[in-house]
Amino acid sequence: YASLPSLLSSALTKQERGCNTELSFTETYDDVVPVRSAESLTESYISIMRGCNNMCSYCIVPFTRGRERSKGVSHILDDFRRLVDSGVK
């Protein structure tokens, strides 16, 4: 997701095809802020983890999102405070 803007820019301005399949072993989505789909909603979710360590035979998550990594506690609390301040209960 982080390289999407540059991939789109290259595609639109230089007519280049792009692909990024590099899997990050450290990315935790710390910089992604929760978004509410409608202002009238009073509930929301906060992502606290990315990836999975379970290797279920039917699941691709460990191969597409990588091993389990948790967001930092301070980032989780910041997300929580931001949502409460916007009216989430």
Protein backbone atom coordinates (compact mmCIF):
# COMPACT_ATOMS: atom_id res chain seq x y z
CA TYR A 1 0.00 0.00 0.00
CA ALA A 2 2.84 2.41 0.75
CA SER A 3 4.22 2.34 -2.80
CA LEU A 4 0.82 2.67 -4.50
CA PRO A 5 1.09 6.46 -5.10
CA SER A 6 4.41 6.10 -6.93
CA LEU A 7 3.15 3.09 -8.92
CA LEU A 8 0.06 5.07 -9.99
CA SER A 9 2.16 8.11 -10.87
CA SER A 10 4.47 6.04 -13.08
CA ALA A 11 1.49 4.42 -14.76
CA LEU A 12 -0.24 7.73 -15.45
CA THR A 13 2.69 9.97 -16.39
CA LYS A 14 5.19 7.58 -17.96
CA GLN A 15 2.76 4.93 -19.20
CA GLU A 16 4.86 2.34 -17.33
CA ARG A 17 3.51 -0.85 -15.87
CA GLY A 18 4.45 -1.47 -12.28
CA CYS A 19 4.30 -4.18 -9.71
CA ASN A 20 5.37 -4.40 -6.09
CA THR A 21 5.17 -7.84 -4.55
CA GLU A 22 7.87 -7.30 -1.96
CA LEU A 23 6.70 -8.49 1.45
CA SER A 24 7.65 -6.31 4.41
CA PHE A 25 8.73 -8.09 7.57
CA THR A 26 8.40 -4.93 9.68
CA GLU A 27 5.35 -3.00 8.40
CA THR A 28 2.59 -2.77 11.01
CA TYR A 29 0.26 -0.06 9.56
CA ASP A 30 1.28 2.33 12.37
CA ASP A 31 0.78 5.25 9.99
CA VAL A 32 -2.70 4.20 8.80
CA VAL A 33 -5.45 6.13 10.58
CA PRO A 34 -8.86 4.43 11.09
CA VAL A 35 -11.58 5.88 8.88
CA ARG A 36 -15.29 5.82 9.65
CA SER A 37 -17.49 4.95 6.68
CA ALA A 38 -20.29 7.30 7.87
CA GLU A 39 -20.35 10.11 10.40
CA SER A 40 -23.55 8.73 11.92
CA LEU A 41 -21.84 5.53 13.04
CA THR A 42 -20.92 5.25 16.70
CA GLU A 43 -18.71 2.21 16.37
CA SER A 44 -15.39 1.49 14.69
CA TYR A 45 -12.50 -0.96 14.58
CA ILE A 46 -8.84 -0.43 15.33
CA SER A 47 -6.29 -2.69 13.66
CA ILE A 48 -3.68 -3.76 16.19
CA MET A 49 -1.89 -6.48 14.26
CA ARG A 50 -0.86 -7.40 10.74
CA GLY A 51 -0.20 -10.87 9.38
CA CYS A 52 -0.62 -14.28 10.94
CA ASN A 53 1.57 -17.04 12.37
CA ASN A 54 -0.98 -19.82 11.86
CA MET A 55 -0.28 -21.79 8.71
CA CYS A 56 -3.80 -23.06 7.96
CA SER A 57 -3.88 -25.18 4.82
CA TYR A 58 -6.72 -23.11 3.29
CA CYS A 59 -5.43 -19.61 4.09
CA ILE A 60 -3.10 -17.27 2.16
CA VAL A 61 -2.69 -14.57 4.84
CA PRO A 62 0.76 -15.70 6.08
CA PHE A 63 1.96 -15.61 2.45
CA THR A 64 0.36 -12.29 1.48
CA ARG A 65 0.65 -10.27 4.70
CA GLY A 66 3.57 -12.06 6.27
CA ARG A 67 4.20 -13.15 9.82
CA GLU A 68 2.36 -11.60 12.77
CA ARG A 69 3.47 -8.08 13.75
CA SER A 70 1.74 -5.85 16.29
CA LYS A 71 1.25 -2.10 16.18
CA GLY A 72 2.92 -0.13 18.92
CA VAL A 73 0.83 0.54 22.04
CA SER A 74 1.20 4.31 21.62
CA HIS A 75 -0.20 4.11 18.07
CA ILE A 76 -3.15 2.00 19.23
CA LEU A 77 -3.93 4.50 22.00
CA ASP A 78 -3.64 7.41 19.54
CA ASP A 79 -6.12 5.69 17.20
CA PHE A 80 -8.46 5.05 20.15
CA ARG A 81 -8.33 8.69 21.32
CA ARG A 82 -8.88 9.99 17.78
CA LEU A 83 -11.99 7.83 17.36
CA VAL A 84 -13.42 8.79 20.77
CA ASP A 85 -12.86 12.47 19.96
CA SER A 86 -14.81 11.98 16.70
CA GLY A 87 -17.82 10.49 18.51
CA VAL A 88 -17.20 6.76 18.53
CA LYS A 89 -18.50 5.18 21.74
